[in-house]
């Protein structure tokens, strides 16, 4: 089972560009994009963009 876990405030990269997670609902991730738009994406197309170090 491949599960994705995104947390509120986490920096991500989406098909529409970089942004920040504002909510997760099931396998959907609501993202506030850096361009100011709010979009919802499947967790399959969103990737982590946080600095681990």
C-alpha atoms as a PDB file:
ATOM      1  CA  UNK A   1       0.000   0.000   0.000  1.00  0.00           C
ATOM      2  CA  UNK A   2       1.491   3.322  -1.126  1.00  0.00           C
ATOM      3  CA  UNK A   3       0.287   6.119   1.125  1.00  0.00           C
ATOM      4  CA  UNK A   4       1.149   9.789   0.884  1.00  0.00           C
ATOM      5  CA  UNK A   5       1.077  11.963   3.970  1.00  0.00           C
ATOM      6  CA  UNK A   6       1.013  15.719   3.596  1.00  0.00           C
ATOM      7  CA  UNK A   7       0.783  18.005   6.602  1.00  0.00           C
ATOM      8  CA  UNK A   8      -0.732  21.452   6.899  1.00  0.00           C
ATOM      9  CA  UNK A   9       1.943  24.045   6.157  1.00  0.00           C
ATOM     10  CA  UNK A  10       4.165  21.601   4.274  1.00  0.00           C
ATOM     11  CA  UNK A  11       5.888  22.983   1.167  1.00  0.00           C
ATOM     12  CA  UNK A  12       5.028  20.999  -1.962  1.00  0.00           C
ATOM     13  CA  UNK A  13       5.376  21.044  -5.724  1.00  0.00           C
ATOM     14  CA  UNK A  14       2.174  20.595  -7.739  1.00  0.00           C
ATOM     15  CA  UNK A  15       1.440  20.431 -11.486  1.00  0.00           C
ATOM     16  CA  UNK A  16       0.604  24.166 -11.262  1.00  0.00           C
ATOM     17  CA  UNK A  17       3.785  25.094  -9.392  1.00  0.00           C
ATOM     18  CA  UNK A  18       5.057  25.309  -5.815  1.00  0.00           C
ATOM     19  CA  UNK A  19       2.870  26.018  -2.809  1.00  0.00           C
ATOM     20  CA  UNK A  20       1.859  25.122   0.726  1.00  0.00           C
ATOM     21  CA  UNK A  21      -0.598  22.496   1.970  1.00  0.00           C
ATOM     22  CA  UNK A  22      -3.609  24.075   3.662  1.00  0.00           C
ATOM     23  CA  UNK A  23      -5.738  20.928   4.053  1.00  0.00           C
ATOM     24  CA  UNK A  24      -5.943  17.247   3.154  1.00  0.00           C
ATOM     25  CA  UNK A  25      -9.219  15.431   2.495  1.00  0.00           C
ATOM     26  CA  UNK A  26      -8.853  11.734   1.779  1.00  0.00           C
ATOM     27  CA  UNK A  27      -6.488  11.496  -1.179  1.00  0.00           C
ATOM     28  CA  UNK A  28      -6.976  15.170  -2.099  1.00  0.00           C
ATOM     29  CA  UNK A  29      -4.557  17.920  -1.117  1.00  0.00           C
ATOM     30  CA  UNK A  30      -5.724  21.548  -0.973  1.00  0.00           C
ATOM     31  CA  UNK A  31      -2.805  23.813  -1.854  1.00  0.00           C
ATOM     32  CA  UNK A  32      -2.241  27.569  -1.601  1.00  0.00           C
ATOM     33  CA  UNK A  33      -0.004  28.126  -4.608  1.00  0.00           C
ATOM     34  CA  UNK A  34       2.773  30.704  -4.532  1.00  0.00           C
ATOM     35  CA  UNK A  35       0.894  32.615  -7.254  1.00  0.00           C
ATOM     36  CA  UNK A  36      -1.970  33.196  -4.777  1.00  0.00           C
ATOM     37  CA  UNK A  37      -4.449  30.665  -6.178  1.00  0.00           C
ATOM     38  CA  UNK A  38      -5.928  27.824  -4.124  1.00  0.00           C
ATOM     39  CA  UNK A  39      -6.220  24.492  -5.944  1.00  0.00           C
ATOM     40  CA  UNK A  40      -7.047  20.875  -5.064  1.00  0.00           C
ATOM     41  CA  UNK A  41      -4.887  18.030  -6.365  1.00  0.00           C
ATOM     42  CA  UNK A  42      -4.706  14.262  -6.007  1.00  0.00           C
ATOM     43  CA  UNK A  43      -1.945  13.209  -3.635  1.00  0.00           C
ATOM     44  CA  UNK A  44      -0.530  11.208  -6.571  1.00  0.00           C
ATOM     45  CA  UNK A  45       0.595  14.402  -8.377  1.00  0.00           C
ATOM     46  CA  UNK A  46       1.864  16.417  -5.390  1.00  0.00           C
ATOM     47  CA  UNK A  47       5.454  15.993  -4.190  1.00  0.00           C
ATOM     48  CA  UNK A  48       7.264  17.108  -1.060  1.00  0.00           C
ATOM     49  CA  UNK A  49       9.354  20.266  -1.507  1.00  0.00           C
ATOM     50  CA  UNK A  50      10.450  20.890   2.078  1.00  0.00           C
ATOM     51  CA  UNK A  51      14.081  21.310   3.077  1.00  0.00           C
ATOM     52  CA  UNK A  52      15.034  18.391   5.279  1.00  0.00           C
ATOM     53  CA  UNK A  53      18.325  19.843   6.313  1.00  0.00           C
END
